[in-house]
């Protein structure tokens, strides 16, 4: 079998694999190694593995490249080594990995190099997944499945940081289901909850990937729209309003539908998100006082009132 066959085989496995010669110079770097480390084969082949590109560390943060390196030990004594270490990713963060270093021998039994196989530490990976699930649970509204108010506040801090870096302006939409008390009074709180869930999911499925929707409280929602203009924000609000207006669920053979009012605002230069949110809330108040099921967008320079189509 030729070299291409073995290279294809090594690139098909999910574990990172690399070869070094007797001087610890990297001679091969597979695709999984690229994925796990962030470094391409072009960046790694020809480098000495002790040059700290990967920088293996133990749990206390001590570098292992000069002392305690599994690969160096294998090259020295010819014995297979197994360790759990932290590998430095190209982007700077540490990745918990298990490594297995094995010697490579010539026909005379002389050590001519070594191979290291590394994979993300499954125990650490499980912990990270559990932490991610916990984070989602803490930041997700249980009724609707969208972000909760805490997540909204985190998003606002991120937008404030972007504003301080003079990045693109953002928009905020404040949304309230119209006459929601009548839904509860007519159909009961269970159906009321189903309506809130329906509206939340309808809104979320109609947003861009980078937009963030959260339940602010009760039947109120807030949408954060990064990198937009007042024209796009206005168009988005009207599109969402019409989508909500045309959504419905069935209860005892009867269609249950609602409308919603949208207040919006565009960020101004050096304006923090809480100020933008406050202006959007004021426009929502104007919506409620001017007939509901409409959109009012205010960017302090101009106010746009859009009434529903007849």
Foldseek 3Di string as FASTA:
>chain_A
DDPVVVLVVQQPDQWWKWKAWLQQATQDTHPNNCVVAVDDRVRRHRDRPLPQSFQWAAPVRDTPSVPPDQQNVCSVPQDKDWDWTWTQHNVGDTFTKIKIKGFDADPVRHGTIIMIIIDGDVVVVVVVVVVVVVVLVVQADPLQRFGEQVVVVVVLVVQLVCLVVVHAWKKKKKKAWPPLVVVCVPPNVVVSSVLLNQLSVLLVVLDDPPKGKYAHDDRMIMIIGPRDDPVVVQVSVLVSQVSQQPDWDDDPNDTDGTGMEMFMEMDDRSDGPVVRVVNSVVRSVVCNVPPGSWYWYDHPVDIDTGDDDD
